[in-house]
């Protein structure tokens, strides 16, 4: 089964502490990524360029690298 057509991924409230840099490599159609209510300390790297919405509130993120959203030209919603 291919995940290349997956449009939304909900990983809310799972105690996730980190995400592998290649976790989203094959998700070429992903538009919505919900990572709220976890234990992430940083914004995941290499987010899909197709991403429009990122929900990442209620984590342990203290700073955002300046390259975190590079290339995400379609992104229009970050937050709750």
Protein backbone atom coordinates (compact mmCIF):
# COMPACT_ATOMS: atom_id res chain seq x y z
CA UNK A 1 0.00 0.00 0.00
CA UNK A 2 1.30 3.42 -0.93
CA UNK A 3 0.91 6.49 1.26
CA UNK A 4 1.71 8.83 -1.61
CA UNK A 5 -1.96 9.88 -1.88
CA UNK A 6 -2.49 10.51 1.85
CA UNK A 7 -3.88 14.05 2.32
CA UNK A 8 -4.24 14.26 6.12
CA UNK A 9 -2.32 12.71 9.00
CA UNK A 10 -3.59 12.99 12.57
CA UNK A 11 -1.06 12.08 15.28
CA UNK A 12 -2.64 14.01 18.16
CA UNK A 13 -2.04 13.06 21.82
CA UNK A 14 0.47 10.24 21.25
CA UNK A 15 3.41 11.31 23.47
CA UNK A 16 5.64 11.71 20.38
CA UNK A 17 9.00 13.24 21.35
CA UNK A 18 10.70 13.40 17.96
CA UNK A 19 10.09 12.66 14.31
CA UNK A 20 12.68 11.16 11.99
CA UNK A 21 13.84 13.62 9.28
CA UNK A 22 12.71 11.18 6.55
CA UNK A 23 9.29 10.43 8.10
CA UNK A 24 7.36 12.43 5.50
CA UNK A 25 9.51 11.79 2.40
CA UNK A 26 6.93 9.64 0.60
CA UNK A 27 3.90 11.73 1.58
CA UNK A 28 3.76 13.71 -1.65
CA UNK A 29 0.10 14.77 -1.32
CA UNK A 30 -0.03 15.56 2.41
CA UNK A 31 -1.91 18.79 3.07
CA UNK A 32 -2.85 18.56 6.76
CA UNK A 33 -0.55 17.43 9.56
CA UNK A 34 -1.85 17.40 13.13
CA UNK A 35 0.83 16.87 15.79
CA UNK A 36 -0.82 18.64 18.73
CA UNK A 37 -0.69 17.41 22.34
CA UNK A 38 2.57 15.49 22.07
CA UNK A 39 6.03 16.07 23.59
CA UNK A 40 7.87 17.46 20.55
CA UNK A 41 10.76 19.80 21.34
CA UNK A 42 11.34 20.94 17.75
CA UNK A 43 9.45 21.48 14.51
CA UNK A 44 9.83 18.36 12.34
CA UNK A 45 12.35 18.71 9.51
CA UNK A 46 11.64 18.15 5.84
CA UNK A 47 7.93 18.82 5.98
CA UNK A 48 6.16 18.04 2.69
CA UNK A 49 6.07 20.99 0.28
CA UNK A 50 2.36 20.28 -0.26
CA UNK A 51 1.53 21.06 3.38
CA UNK A 52 -1.22 23.66 3.83
CA UNK A 53 -2.06 23.22 7.51
CA UNK A 54 0.14 22.33 10.50
CA UNK A 55 -1.37 21.97 13.95
CA UNK A 56 1.38 21.72 16.54
CA UNK A 57 0.09 23.35 19.76
CA UNK A 58 0.52 21.81 23.22
CA UNK A 59 4.04 20.48 22.68
CA UNK A 60 7.37 21.38 24.31
CA UNK A 61 8.75 23.47 21.45
CA UNK A 62 10.85 26.36 22.76
CA UNK A 63 12.37 27.71 19.56
CA UNK A 64 11.80 27.49 15.83
CA UNK A 65 14.79 27.22 13.46
CA UNK A 66 14.72 29.86 10.74
CA UNK A 67 14.68 27.17 8.02
CA UNK A 68 11.74 25.30 9.59
CA UNK A 69 9.17 26.43 7.00
CA UNK A 70 11.44 26.89 4.00
CA UNK A 71 9.73 25.92 0.75
CA UNK A 72 6.26 25.65 2.29
CA UNK A 73 4.67 28.15 -0.06
CA UNK A 74 1.16 26.72 0.29
CA UNK A 75 1.13 26.82 4.10
CA UNK A 76 -1.65 29.05 5.40
CA UNK A 77 -2.40 27.75 8.89
CA UNK A 78 -0.07 27.02 11.79
CA UNK A 79 -1.56 26.64 15.24
CA UNK A 80 -4.69 25.43 16.96
